[in-house]
Amino acid sequence: WAIGAVVCPFTDFFARHGRQALWLLVFVGVFRISDLAMASMANP
């Protein structure tokens, strides 16, 4: 259960996307960075 629930979800993603997986994760991390970074200063 632990292998199927914890290990496999992560290895599955990298197995499906190969070397492109890291770039996809970078994209996920930066897509909203512009509007989230400015959010704290809008009301001020």
ModelCIF file with pLDDT and N, C-alpha, C, O atoms, coordinates in Angstrom:
data_MODEL
#
_entry.id   MODEL 
#
_entity.id                         1 
_entity.type                       polymer 
_entity.pdbx_number_of_molecules   1 
#
_entity_poly.entity_id                      1 
_entity_poly.type                           'polypeptide(L)' 
_entity_poly.nstd_linkage                   no 
_entity_poly.nstd_monomer                   no 
_entity_poly.pdbx_seq_one_letter_code       WAIGAVVCPFTDFFARHGRQALWLLVFVGVFRISDLAMASMANP 
_entity_poly.pdbx_seq_one_letter_code_can   WAIGAVVCPFTDFFARHGRQALWLLVFVGVFRISDLAMASMANP 
_entity_poly.pdbx_strand_id                 A 
#
loop_
_entity_poly_seq.entity_id 
_entity_poly_seq.num 
_entity_poly_seq.mon_id 
_entity_poly_seq.hetero 
1 1  TRP n 
1 2  ALA n 
1 3  ILE n 
1 4  GLY n 
1 5  ALA n 
1 6  VAL n 
1 7  VAL n 
1 8  CYS n 
1 9  PRO n 
1 10 PHE n 
1 11 THR n 
1 12 ASP n 
1 13 PHE n 
1 14 PHE n 
1 15 ALA n 
1 16 ARG n 
1 17 HIS n 
1 18 GLY n 
1 19 ARG n 
1 20 GLN n 
1 21 ALA n 
1 22 LEU n 
1 23 TRP n 
1 24 LEU n 
1 25 LEU n 
1 26 VAL n 
1 27 PHE n 
1 28 VAL n 
1 29 GLY n 
1 30 VAL n 
1 31 PHE n 
1 32 ARG n 
1 33 ILE n 
1 34 SER n 
1 35 ASP n 
1 36 LEU n 
1 37 ALA n 
1 38 MET n 
1 39 ALA n 
1 40 SER n 
1 41 MET n 
1 42 ALA n 
1 43 ASN n 
1 44 PRO n 
#
_struct_asym.id          A 
_struct_asym.entity_id   1 
#
loop_
_ma_qa_metric.id 
_ma_qa_metric.mode 
_ma_qa_metric.name 
_ma_qa_metric.software_group_id 
_ma_qa_metric.type 
1 global pLDDT . pLDDT 
2 local  pLDDT . pLDDT 
#
_ma_qa_metric_global.metric_id      1 
_ma_qa_metric_global.metric_value   80.32 
_ma_qa_metric_global.model_id       1 
_ma_qa_metric_global.ordinal_id     1 
#
loop_
_ma_qa_metric_local.label_asym_id 
_ma_qa_metric_local.label_comp_id 
_ma_qa_metric_local.label_seq_id 
_ma_qa_metric_local.metric_id 
_ma_qa_metric_local.metric_value 
_ma_qa_metric_local.model_id 
_ma_qa_metric_local.ordinal_id 
A TRP 1  2 65.00 1 1  
A ALA 2  2 70.00 1 2  
A ILE 3  2 74.00 1 3  
A GLY 4  2 69.00 1 4  
A ALA 5  2 66.00 1 5  
A VAL 6  2 69.00 1 6  
A VAL 7  2 77.00 1 7  
A CYS 8  2 77.00 1 8  
A PRO 9  2 78.00 1 9  
A PHE 10 2 78.00 1 10 
A THR 11 2 80.00 1 11 
A ASP 12 2 81.00 1 12 
A PHE 13 2 83.00 1 13 
A PHE 14 2 84.00 1 14 
A ALA 15 2 82.00 1 15 
A ARG 16 2 84.00 1 16 
A HIS 17 2 81.00 1 17 
A GLY 18 2 82.00 1 18 
A ARG 19 2 81.00 1 19 
A GLN 20 2 85.00 1 20 
A ALA 21 2 86.00 1 21 
A LEU 22 2 88.00 1 22 
A TRP 23 2 89.00 1 23 
A LEU 24 2 89.00 1 24 
A LEU 25 2 89.00 1 25 
A VAL 26 2 91.00 1 26 
A PHE 27 2 92.00 1 27 
A VAL 28 2 89.00 1 28 
A GLY 29 2 88.00 1 29 
A VAL 30 2 90.00 1 30 
A PHE 31 2 90.00 1 31 
A ARG 32 2 86.00 1 32 
A ILE 33 2 87.00 1 33 
A SER 34 2 87.00 1 34 
A ASP 35 2 83.00 1 35 
A LEU 36 2 78.00 1 36 
A ALA 37 2 78.00 1 37 
A MET 38 2 78.00 1 38 
A ALA 39 2 70.00 1 39 
A SER 40 2 64.00 1 40 
A MET 41 2 76.00 1 41 
A ALA 42 2 77.00 1 42 
A ASN 43 2 70.00 1 43 
A PRO 44 2 73.00 1 44 
#
loop_
_atom_site.group_PDB 
_atom_site.id 
_atom_site.type_symbol 
_atom_site.label_atom_id 
_atom_site.label_alt_id 
_atom_site.label_comp_id 
_atom_site.label_asym_id 
_atom_site.label_entity_id 
_atom_site.label_seq_id 
_atom_site.pdbx_PDB_ins_code 
_atom_site.Cartn_x 
_atom_site.Cartn_y 
_atom_site.Cartn_z 
_atom_site.occupancy 
_atom_site.B_iso_or_equiv 
_atom_site.pdbx_formal_charge 
_atom_site.auth_seq_id 
_atom_site.auth_comp_id 
_atom_site.auth_asym_id 
_atom_site.auth_atom_id 
_atom_site.pdbx_PDB_model_num 
ATOM 1   N N  . TRP A 1 1  ? 0.844  -1.214 0.000   1.00 65.00 ? 1  TRP A N  1 
ATOM 2   C CA . TRP A 1 1  ? 0.000  0.000  0.000   1.00 65.00 ? 1  TRP A CA 1 
ATOM 3   C C  . TRP A 1 1  ? 0.870  1.252  0.000   1.00 65.00 ? 1  TRP A C  1 
ATOM 4   O O  . TRP A 1 1  ? 0.611  2.188  -0.756  1.00 65.00 ? 1  TRP A O  1 
ATOM 5   N N  . ALA A 1 2  ? 1.910  1.273  0.851   1.00 70.00 ? 2  ALA A N  1 
ATOM 6   C CA . ALA A 1 2  ? 2.768  2.452  0.946   1.00 70.00 ? 2  ALA A CA 1 
ATOM 7   C C  . ALA A 1 2  ? 3.482  2.731  -0.380  1.00 70.00 ? 2  ALA A C  1 
ATOM 8   O O  . ALA A 1 2  ? 3.584  3.882  -0.805  1.00 70.00 ? 2  ALA A O  1 
ATOM 9   N N  . ILE A 1 3  ? 3.973  1.678  -1.025  1.00 74.00 ? 3  ILE A N  1 
ATOM 10  C CA . ILE A 1 3  ? 4.644  1.858  -2.319  1.00 74.00 ? 3  ILE A CA 1 
ATOM 11  C C  . ILE A 1 3  ? 3.661  2.383  -3.355  1.00 74.00 ? 3  ILE A C  1 
ATOM 12  O O  . ILE A 1 3  ? 3.974  3.313  -4.099  1.00 74.00 ? 3  ILE A O  1 
ATOM 13  N N  . GLY A 1 4  ? 2.458  1.782  -3.405  1.00 69.00 ? 4  GLY A N  1 
ATOM 14  C CA . GLY A 1 4  ? 1.469  2.208  -4.382  1.00 69.00 ? 4  GLY A CA 1 
ATOM 15  C C  . GLY A 1 4  ? 0.934  3.598  -4.123  1.00 69.00 ? 4  GLY A C  1 
ATOM 16  O O  . GLY A 1 4  ? 0.615  4.325  -5.063  1.00 69.00 ? 4  GLY A O  1 
ATOM 17  N N  . ALA A 1 5  ? 0.830  3.985  -2.838  1.00 66.00 ? 5  ALA A N  1 
ATOM 18  C CA . ALA A 1 5  ? 0.228  5.276  -2.502  1.00 66.00 ? 5  ALA A CA 1 
ATOM 19  C C  . ALA A 1 5  ? 1.219  6.429  -2.494  1.00 66.00 ? 5  ALA A C  1 
ATOM 20  O O  . ALA A 1 5  ? 0.858  7.557  -2.831  1.00 66.00 ? 5  ALA A O  1 
ATOM 21  N N  . VAL A 1 6  ? 2.470  6.159  -2.112  1.00 69.00 ? 6  VAL A N  1 
ATOM 22  C CA . VAL A 1 6  ? 3.435  7.240  -1.926  1.00 69.00 ? 6  VAL A CA 1 
ATOM 23  C C  . VAL A 1 6  ? 4.506  7.258  -3.018  1.00 69.00 ? 6  VAL A C  1 
ATOM 24  O O  . VAL A 1 6  ? 4.784  8.310  -3.594  1.00 69.00 ? 6  VAL A O  1 
ATOM 25  N N  . VAL A 1 7  ? 5.101  6.113  -3.301  1.00 77.00 ? 7  VAL A N  1 
ATOM 26  C CA . VAL A 1 7  ? 6.225  6.068  -4.248  1.00 77.00 ? 7  VAL A CA 1 
ATOM 27  C C  . VAL A 1 7  ? 5.746  6.150  -5.695  1.00 77.00 ? 7  VAL A C  1 
ATOM 28  O O  . VAL A 1 7  ? 6.256  6.952  -6.477  1.00 77.00 ? 7  VAL A O  1 
ATOM 29  N N  . CYS A 1 8  ? 4.778  5.329  -6.044  1.00 77.00 ? 8  CYS A N  1 
ATOM 30  C CA . CYS A 1 8  ? 4.349  5.211  -7.443  1.00 77.00 ? 8  CYS A CA 1 
ATOM 31  C C  . CYS A 1 8  ? 3.807  6.504  -8.054  1.00 77.00 ? 8  CYS A C  1 
ATOM 32  O O  . CYS A 1 8  ? 4.089  6.767  -9.223  1.00 77.00 ? 8  CYS A O  1 
ATOM 33  N N  . PRO A 1 9  ? 3.029  7.340  -7.310  1.00 78.00 ? 9  PRO A N  1 
ATOM 34  C CA . PRO A 1 9  ? 2.557  8.579  -7.939  1.00 78.00 ? 9  PRO A CA 1 
ATOM 35  C C  . PRO A 1 9  ? 3.681  9.465  -8.456  1.00 78.00 ? 9  PRO A C  1 
ATOM 36  O O  . PRO A 1 9  ? 3.534  10.119 -9.489  1.00 78.00 ? 9  PRO A O  1 
ATOM 37  N N  . PHE A 1 10 ? 4.802  9.491  -7.744  1.00 78.00 ? 10 PHE A N  1 
ATOM 38  C CA . PHE A 1 10 ? 5.915  10.342 -8.163  1.00 78.00 ? 10 PHE A CA 1 
ATOM 39  C C  . PHE A 1 10 ? 6.728  9.696  -9.287  1.00 78.00 ? 10 PHE A C  1 
ATOM 40  O O  . PHE A 1 10 ? 7.102  10.361 -10.253 1.00 78.00 ? 10 PHE A O  1 
ATOM 41  N N  . THR A 1 11 ? 6.997  8.404  -9.152  1.00 80.00 ? 11 THR A N  1 
ATOM 42  C CA . THR A 1 11 ? 7.750  7.725  -10.210 1.00 80.00 ? 11 THR A CA 1 
ATOM 43  C C  . THR A 1 11 ? 6.936  7.647  -11.497 1.00 80.00 ? 11 THR A C  1 
ATOM 44  O O  . THR A 1 11 ? 7.504  7.681  -12.588 1.00 80.00 ? 11 THR A O  1 
ATOM 45  N N  . ASP A 1 12 ? 5.596  7.543  -11.380 1.00 81.00 ? 12 ASP A N  1 
ATOM 46  C CA . ASP A 1 12 ? 4.732  7.505  -12.561 1.00 81.00 ? 12 ASP A CA 1 
ATOM 47  C C  . ASP A 1 12 ? 4.869  8.790  -13.375 1.00 81.00 ? 12 ASP A C  1 
ATOM 48  O O  . ASP A 1 12 ? 4.971  8.742  -14.601 1.00 81.00 ? 12 ASP A O  1 
ATOM 49  N N  . PHE A 1 13 ? 4.873  9.945  -12.691 1.00 83.00 ? 13 PHE A N  1 
ATOM 50  C CA . PHE A 1 13 ? 4.966  11.220 -13.396 1.00 83.00 ? 13 PHE A CA 1 
ATOM 51  C C  . PHE A 1 13 ? 6.270  11.322 -14.168 1.00 83.00 ? 13 PHE A C  1 
ATOM 52  O O  . PHE A 1 13 ? 6.270  11.732 -15.328 1.00 83.00 ? 13 PHE A O  1 
ATOM 53  N N  . PHE A 1 14 ? 7.382  10.955 -13.540 1.00 84.00 ? 14 PHE A N  1 
ATOM 54  C CA . PHE A 1 14 ? 8.680  11.050 -14.210 1.00 84.00 ? 14 PHE A CA 1 
ATOM 55  C C  . PHE A 1 14 ? 8.820  9.991  -15.301 1.00 84.00 ? 14 PHE A C  1 
ATOM 56  O O  . PHE A 1 14 ? 9.496  10.219 -16.304 1.00 84.00 ? 14 PHE A O  1 
ATOM 57  N N  . ALA A 1 15 ? 8.184  8.833  -15.108 1.00 82.00 ? 15 ALA A N  1 
ATOM 58  C CA . ALA A 1 15 ? 8.251  7.797  -16.139 1.00 82.00 ? 15 ALA A CA 1 
ATOM 59  C C  . ALA A 1 15 ? 7.477  8.221  -17.380 1.00 82.00 ? 15 ALA A C  1 
ATOM 60  O O  . ALA A 1 15 ? 7.901  7.941  -18.502 1.00 82.00 ? 15 ALA A O  1 
ATOM 61  N N  . ARG A 1 16 ? 6.352  8.890  -17.190 1.00 84.00 ? 16 ARG A N  1 
ATOM 62  C CA . ARG A 1 16 ? 5.533  9.302  -18.335 1.00 84.00 ? 16 ARG A CA 1 
ATOM 63  C C  . ARG A 1 16 ? 6.144  10.458 -19.104 1.00 84.00 ? 16 ARG A C  1 
ATOM 64  O O  . ARG A 1 16 ? 5.983  10.535 -20.322 1.00 84.00 ? 16 ARG A O  1 
ATOM 65  N N  . HIS A 1 17 ? 6.843  11.360 -18.424 1.00 81.00 ? 17 HIS A N  1 
ATOM 66  C CA . HIS A 1 17 ? 7.329  12.572 -19.081 1.00 81.00 ? 17 HIS A CA 1 
ATOM 67  C C  . HIS A 1 17 ? 8.838  12.627 -19.254 1.00 81.00 ? 17 HIS A C  1 
ATOM 68  O O  . HIS A 1 17 ? 9.353  13.526 -19.919 1.00 81.00 ? 17 HIS A O  1 
ATOM 69  N N  . GLY A 1 18 ? 9.559  11.670 -18.659 1.00 82.00 ? 18 GLY A N  1 
ATOM 70  C CA . GLY A 1 18 ? 10.997 11.606 -18.874 1.00 82.00 ? 18 GLY A CA 1 
ATOM 71  C C  . GLY A 1 18 ? 11.724 12.874 -18.481 1.00 82.00 ? 18 GLY A C  1 
ATOM 72  O O  . GLY A 1 18 ? 11.449 13.468 -17.438 1.00 82.00 ? 18 GLY A O  1 
ATOM 73  N N  . ARG A 1 19 ? 12.663 13.285 -19.335 1.00 81.00 ? 19 ARG A N  1 
ATOM 74  C CA . ARG A 1 19 ? 13.477 14.463 -19.034 1.00 81.00 ? 19 ARG A CA 1 
ATOM 75  C C  . ARG A 1 19 ? 12.669 15.749 -19.018 1.00 81.00 ? 19 ARG A C  1 
ATOM 76  O O  . ARG A 1 19 ? 13.076 16.740 -18.413 1.00 81.00 ? 19 ARG A O  1 
ATOM 77  N N  . GLN A 1 20 ? 11.520 15.728 -19.688 1.00 85.00 ? 20 GLN A N  1 
ATOM 78  C CA . GLN A 1 20 ? 10.678 16.922 -19.711 1.00 85.00 ? 20 GLN A CA 1 
ATOM 79  C C  . GLN A 1 20 ? 9.943  17.141 -18.395 1.00 85.00 ? 20 GLN A C  1 
ATOM 80  O O  . GLN A 1 20 ? 9.393  18.220 -18.173 1.00 85.00 ? 20 GLN A O  1 
ATOM 81  N N  . ALA A 1 21 ? 9.922  16.137 -17.514 1.00 86.00 ? 21 ALA A N  1 
ATOM 82  C CA . ALA A 1 21 ? 9.172  16.239 -16.262 1.00 86.00 ? 21 ALA A CA 1 
ATOM 83  C C  . ALA A 1 21 ? 9.655  17.410 -15.407 1.00 86.00 ? 21 ALA A C  1 
ATOM 84  O O  . ALA A 1 21 ? 8.841  18.132 -14.830 1.00 86.00 ? 21 ALA A O  1 
ATOM 85  N N  . LEU A 1 22 ? 10.976 17.603 -15.322 1.00 88.00 ? 22 LEU A N  1 
ATOM 86  C CA . LEU A 1 22 ? 11.497 18.692 -14.494 1.00 88.00 ? 22 LEU A CA 1 
ATOM 87  C C  . LEU A 1 22 ? 11.075 20.057 -15.028 1.00 88.00 ? 22 LEU A C  1 
ATOM 88  O O  . LEU A 1 22 ? 10.748 20.958 -14.256 1.00 88.00 ? 22 LEU A O  1 
ATOM 89  N N  . TRP A 1 23 ? 11.084 20.208 -16.362 1.00 89.00 ? 23 TRP A N  1 
ATOM 90  C CA . TRP A 1 23 ? 10.650 21.474 -16.943 1.00 89.00 ? 23 TRP A CA 1 
ATOM 91  C C  . TRP A 1 23 ? 9.163  21.707 -16.706 1.00 89.00 ? 23 TRP A C  1 
ATOM 92  O O  . TRP A 1 23 ? 8.734  22.842 -16.496 1.00 89.00 ? 23 TRP A O  1 
ATOM 93  N N  . LEU A 1 24 ? 8.387  20.644 -16.740 1.00 89.00 ? 24 LEU A N  1 
ATOM 94  C CA . LEU A 1 24 ? 6.962  20.779 -16.453 1.00 89.00 ? 24 LEU A CA 1 
ATOM 95  C C  . LEU A 1 24 ? 6.746  21.236 -15.014 1.00 89.00 ? 24 LEU A C  1 
ATOM 96  O O  . LEU A 1 24 ? 5.890  22.081 -14.751 1.00 89.00 ? 24 LEU A O  1 
ATOM 97  N N  . LEU A 1 25 ? 7.520  20.681 -14.084 1.00 89.00 ? 25 LEU A N  1 
ATOM 98  C CA . LEU A 1 25 ? 7.395  21.090 -12.690 1.00 89.00 ? 25 LEU A CA 1 
ATOM 99  C C  . LEU A 1 25 ? 7.834  22.546 -12.507 1.00 89.00 ? 25 LEU A C  1 
ATOM 100 O O  . LEU A 1 25 ? 7.239  23.283 -11.721 1.00 89.00 ? 25 LEU A O  1 
ATOM 101 N N  . VAL A 1 26 ? 8.871  22.952 -13.229 1.00 91.00 ? 26 VAL A N  1 
ATOM 102 C CA . VAL A 1 26 ? 9.287  24.357 -13.184 1.00 91.00 ? 26 VAL A CA 1 
ATOM 103 C C  . VAL A 1 26 ? 8.160  25.255 -13.688 1.00 91.00 ? 26 VAL A C  1 
ATOM 104 O O  . VAL A 1 26 ? 7.879  26.300 -13.101 1.00 91.00 ? 26 VAL A O  1 
ATOM 105 N N  . PHE A 1 27 ? 7.520  24.843 -14.773 1.00 92.00 ? 27 PHE A N  1 
ATOM 106 C CA . PHE A 1 27 ? 6.419  25.619 -15.324 1.00 92.00 ? 27 PHE A CA 1 
ATOM 107 C C  . PHE A 1 27 ? 5.269  25.729 -14.324 1.00 92.00 ? 27 PHE A C  1 
ATOM 108 O O  . PHE A 1 27 ? 4.688  26.802 -14.156 1.00 92.00 ? 27 PHE A O  1 
ATOM 109 N N  . VAL A 1 28 ? 4.944  24.625 -13.665 1.00 89.00 ? 28 VAL A N  1 
ATOM 110 C CA . VAL A 1 28 ? 3.879  24.649 -12.655 1.00 89.00 ? 28 VAL A CA 1 
ATOM 111 C C  . VAL A 1 28 ? 4.216  25.653 -11.557 1.00 89.00 ? 28 VAL A C  1 
ATOM 112 O O  . VAL A 1 28 ? 3.340  26.366 -11.068 1.00 89.00 ? 28 VAL A O  1 
ATOM 113 N N  . GLY A 1 29 ? 5.500  25.704 -11.171 1.00 88.00 ? 29 GLY A N  1 
ATOM 114 C CA . GLY A 1 29 ? 5.907  26.606 -10.110 1.00 88.00 ? 29 GLY A CA 1 
ATOM 115 C C  . GLY A 1 29 ? 5.935  28.068 -10.495 1.00 88.00 ? 29 GLY A C  1 
ATOM 116 O O  . GLY A 1 29 ? 5.773  28.927 -9.628  1.00 88.00 ? 29 GLY A O  1 
ATOM 117 N N  . VAL A 1 30 ? 6.139  28.385 -11.778 1.00 90.00 ? 30 VAL A N  1 
ATOM 118 C CA . VAL A 1 30 ? 6.292  29.794 -12.178 1.00 90.00 ? 30 VAL A CA 1 
ATOM 119 C C  . VAL A 1 30 ? 5.065  30.371 -12.867 1.00 90.00 ? 30 VAL A C  1 
ATOM 120 O O  . VAL A 1 30 ? 5.000  31.582 -13.075 1.00 90.00 ? 30 VAL A O  1 
ATOM 121 N N  . PHE A 1 31 ? 4.078  29.532 -13.231 1.00 90.00 ? 31 PHE A N  1 
ATOM 122 C CA . PHE A 1 31 ? 2.954  30.056 -14.017 1.00 90.00 ? 31 PHE A CA 1 
ATOM 123 C C  . PHE A 1 31 ? 2.206  31.164 -13.273 1.00 90.00 ? 31 PHE A C  1 
ATOM 124 O O  . PHE A 1 31 ? 1.848  32.177 -13.875 1.00 90.00 ? 31 PHE A O  1 
ATOM 125 N N  . ARG A 1 32 ? 1.968  30.982 -11.974 1.00 86.00 ? 32 ARG A N  1 
ATOM 126 C CA . ARG A 1 32 ? 1.217  31.982 -11.205 1.00 86.00 ? 32 ARG A CA 1 
ATOM 127 C C  . ARG A 1 32 ? 2.126  32.909 -10.403 1.00 86.00 ? 32 ARG A C  1 
ATOM 128 O O  . ARG A 1 32 ? 1.636  33.682 -9.580  1.00 86.00 ? 32 ARG A O  1 
ATOM 129 N N  . ILE A 1 33 ? 3.422  32.848 -10.623 1.00 87.00 ? 33 ILE A N  1 
ATOM 130 C CA . ILE A 1 33 ? 4.344  33.588 -9.767  1.00 87.00 ? 33 ILE A CA 1 
ATOM 131 C C  . ILE A 1 33 ? 4.177  35.094 -9.920  1.00 87.00 ? 33 ILE A C  1 
ATOM 132 O O  . ILE A 1 33 ? 4.373  35.835 -8.957  1.00 87.00 ? 33 ILE A O  1 
ATOM 133 N N  . SER A 1 34 ? 3.818  35.558 -11.114 1.00 87.00 ? 34 SER A N  1 
ATOM 134 C CA . SER A 1 34 ? 3.710  36.991 -11.368 1.00 87.00 ? 34 SER A CA 1 
ATOM 135 C C  . SER A 1 34 ? 2.568  37.612 -10.566 1.00 87.00 ? 34 SER A C  1 
ATOM 136 O O  . SER A 1 34 ? 2.774  38.608 -9.874  1.00 87.00 ? 34 SER A O  1 
ATOM 137 N N  . ASP A 1 35 ? 1.362  37.034 -10.652 1.00 83.00 ? 35 ASP A N  1 
ATOM 138 C CA . ASP A 1 35 ? 0.227  37.636 -9.946  1.00 83.00 ? 35 ASP A CA 1 
ATOM 139 C C  . ASP A 1 35 ? 0.249  37.332 -8.453  1.00 83.00 ? 35 ASP A C  1 
ATOM 140 O O  . ASP A 1 35 ? -0.240 38.139 -7.663  1.00 83.00 ? 35 ASP A O  1 
ATOM 141 N N  . LEU A 1 36 ? 0.808  36.178 -8.037  1.00 78.00 ? 36 LEU A N  1 
ATOM 142 C CA . LEU A 1 36 ? 0.885  35.890 -6.605  1.00 78.00 ? 36 LEU A CA 1 
ATOM 143 C C  . LEU A 1 36 ? 1.926  36.766 -5.913  1.00 78.00 ? 36 LEU A C  1 
ATOM 144 O O  . LEU A 1 36 ? 1.735  37.162 -4.763  1.00 78.00 ? 36 LEU A O  1 
ATOM 145 N N  . ALA A 1 37 ? 3.021  37.069 -6.599  1.00 78.00 ? 37 ALA A N  1 
ATOM 146 C CA . ALA A 1 37 ? 4.078  37.879 -6.004  1.00 78.00 ? 37 ALA A CA 1 
ATOM 147 C C  . ALA A 1 37 ? 3.615  39.310 -5.735  1.00 78.00 ? 37 ALA A C  1 
ATOM 148 O O  . ALA A 1 37 ? 4.081  39.941 -4.786  1.00 78.00 ? 37 ALA A O  1 
ATOM 149 N N  . MET A 1 38 ? 2.694  39.831 -6.567  1.00 78.00 ? 38 MET A N  1 
ATOM 150 C CA . MET A 1 38 ? 2.253  41.208 -6.383  1.00 78.00 ? 38 MET A CA 1 
ATOM 151 C C  . MET A 1 38 ? 1.027  41.329 -5.472  1.00 78.00 ? 38 MET A C  1 
ATOM 152 O O  . MET A 1 38 ? 0.646  42.435 -5.088  1.00 78.00 ? 38 MET A O  1 
ATOM 153 N N  . ALA A 1 39 ? 0.419  40.208 -5.129  1.00 70.00 ? 39 ALA A N  1 
ATOM 154 C CA . ALA A 1 39 ? -0.873 40.250 -4.432  1.00 70.00 ? 39 ALA A CA 1 
ATOM 155 C C  . ALA A 1 39 ? -0.794 40.979 -3.099  1.00 70.00 ? 39 ALA A C  1 
ATOM 156 O O  . ALA A 1 39 ? -1.741 41.671 -2.726  1.00 70.00 ? 39 ALA A O  1 
ATOM 157 N N  . SER A 1 40 ? 0.307  40.842 -2.375  1.00 64.00 ? 40 SER A N  1 
ATOM 158 C CA . SER A 1 40 ? 0.398  41.433 -1.040  1.00 64.00 ? 40 SER A CA 1 
ATOM 159 C C  . SER A 1 40 ? 0.429  42.957 -1.066  1.00 64.00 ? 40 SER A C  1 
ATOM 160 O O  . SER A 1 40 ? 0.134  43.599 -0.058  1.00 64.00 ? 40 SER A O  1 
ATOM 161 N N  . MET A 1 41 ? 0.787  43.546 -2.215  1.00 76.00 ? 41 MET A N  1 
ATOM 162 C CA . MET A 1 41 ? 0.925  44.993 -2.294  1.00 76.00 ? 41 MET A CA 1 
ATOM 163 C C  . MET A 1 41 ? -0.248 45.682 -2.998  1.00 76.00 ? 41 MET A C  1 
ATOM 164 O O  . MET A 1 41 ? -0.233 46.903 -3.150  1.00 76.00 ? 41 MET A O  1 
ATOM 165 N N  . ALA A 1 42 ? -1.248 44.935 -3.425  1.00 77.00 ? 42 ALA A N  1 
ATOM 166 C CA . ALA A 1 42 ? -2.373 45.549 -4.125  1.00 77.00 ? 42 ALA A CA 1 
ATOM 167 C C  . ALA A 1 42 ? -3.181 46.453 -3.201  1.00 77.00 ? 42 ALA A C  1 
ATOM 168 O O  . ALA A 1 42 ? -3.383 47.628 -3.507  1.00 77.00 ? 42 ALA A O  1 
ATOM 169 N N  . ASN A 1 43 ? -3.647 45.910 -2.065  1.00 70.00 ? 43 ASN A N  1 
ATOM 170 C CA . ASN A 1 43 ? -4.448 46.722 -1.140  1.00 70.00 ? 43 ASN A CA 1 
ATOM 171 C C  . ASN A 1 43 ? -3.664 47.893 -0.556  1.00 70.00 ? 43 ASN A C  1 
ATOM 172 O O  . ASN A 1 43 ? -4.211 48.992 -0.474  1.00 70.00 ? 43 ASN A O  1 
ATOM 173 N N  . PRO A 1 44 ? -2.390 47.709 -0.141  1.00 73.00 ? 44 PRO A N  1 
ATOM 174 C CA . PRO A 1 44 ? -1.621 48.882 0.301   1.00 73.00 ? 44 PRO A CA 1 
ATOM 175 C C  . PRO A 1 44 ? -1.530 49.974 -0.774  1.00 73.00 ? 44 PRO A C  1 
ATOM 176 O O  . PRO A 1 44 ? -0.916 51.016 -0.546  1.00 73.00 ? 44 PRO A O  1 
#
